[in-house]
Protein backbone atom coordinates (compact mmCIF):
# COMPACT_ATOMS: atom_id res chain seq x y z
CA UNK A 1 62.82 7.73 -54.20
CA UNK A 2 65.42 5.07 -54.76
CA UNK A 3 66.39 2.54 -52.02
CA UNK A 4 69.97 4.10 -51.92
CA UNK A 5 68.19 7.37 -51.44
CA UNK A 6 66.51 6.01 -48.38
CA UNK A 7 69.79 4.53 -47.12
CA UNK A 8 71.68 7.63 -47.70
CA UNK A 9 69.14 9.59 -45.59
CA UNK A 10 69.02 7.32 -42.85
CA UNK A 11 72.90 7.38 -42.76
CA UNK A 12 72.98 10.94 -42.54
CA UNK A 13 70.57 10.74 -39.70
CA UNK A 14 72.65 8.26 -37.69
CA UNK A 15 71.20 5.12 -38.70
CA UNK A 16 73.84 3.02 -40.64
CA UNK A 17 73.75 0.07 -42.96
CA UNK A 18 75.55 -1.70 -39.98
CA UNK A 19 72.80 -0.99 -37.79
CA UNK A 20 70.19 -2.14 -40.34
CA UNK A 21 72.22 -5.36 -40.78
CA UNK A 22 72.55 -6.05 -37.09
CA UNK A 23 69.05 -5.57 -36.44
CA UNK A 24 67.35 -7.53 -39.60
CA UNK A 25 66.34 -4.18 -41.29
CA UNK A 26 64.33 -3.17 -38.39
CA UNK A 27 64.47 0.09 -36.48
CA UNK A 28 63.19 0.33 -32.95
CA UNK A 29 60.41 2.83 -33.28
CA UNK A 30 61.00 4.38 -29.91
CA UNK A 31 64.92 3.81 -29.73
CA UNK A 32 67.45 6.62 -29.65
CA UNK A 33 68.54 6.15 -33.14
CA UNK A 34 65.07 6.72 -34.40
CA UNK A 35 64.14 9.71 -32.52
CA UNK A 36 67.58 11.22 -33.35
CA UNK A 37 66.83 10.32 -37.01
CA UNK A 38 63.53 11.96 -36.82
CA UNK A 39 64.83 15.20 -35.29
CA UNK A 40 67.47 15.39 -38.03
CA UNK A 41 64.73 14.46 -40.92
CA UNK A 42 62.07 16.89 -39.92
CA UNK A 43 64.42 19.40 -38.29
CA UNK A 44 62.29 19.63 -34.97
CA UNK A 45 62.26 17.94 -31.74
CA UNK A 46 61.12 14.54 -32.13
CA UNK A 47 60.11 14.25 -28.41
CA UNK A 48 57.74 17.29 -28.79
CA UNK A 49 55.72 17.38 -31.73
CA UNK A 50 53.48 20.46 -30.69
CA UNK A 51 55.21 22.61 -33.03
CA UNK A 52 55.09 20.35 -35.93
CA UNK A 53 53.14 21.18 -39.02
CA UNK A 54 50.91 18.82 -41.23
CA UNK A 55 53.79 19.00 -43.80
CA UNK A 56 56.42 17.88 -41.10
CA UNK A 57 53.94 14.86 -40.14
CA UNK A 58 53.56 14.21 -43.98
CA UNK A 59 57.09 14.23 -44.67
CA UNK A 60 57.91 11.70 -42.11
CA UNK A 61 54.85 9.49 -42.98
CA UNK A 62 55.90 9.43 -46.80
CA UNK A 63 59.41 8.48 -45.70
CA UNK A 64 58.14 5.72 -43.55
CA UNK A 65 56.28 4.28 -46.30
CA UNK A 66 58.90 4.45 -48.59
CA UNK A 67 61.06 2.53 -46.12
CA UNK A 68 58.51 -0.03 -45.99
CA UNK A 69 58.58 -0.49 -49.79
CA UNK A 70 62.26 -1.34 -49.21
CA UNK A 71 61.70 -3.83 -46.46
CA UNK A 72 63.07 -1.38 -43.81
CA UNK A 73 60.53 -1.78 -40.83
CA UNK A 74 59.58 -0.05 -37.61
CA UNK A 75 59.17 -2.32 -34.49
């Protein structure tokens, strides 16, 4: 996945390039923006992962690792 793909997916989930610039490429891991993004990306409630599958967790974990590769961090 290319960096622009990551940025596009984040934007679709509500985390814009302006947000990243204002926060020095760091997303607050428990913040509303991140939690809303998780719900968008996984398609399930980010506040209640009881119904999540291993594939859901793997999908999110892989995306986070890709973010880190492009110097987008979670705090």
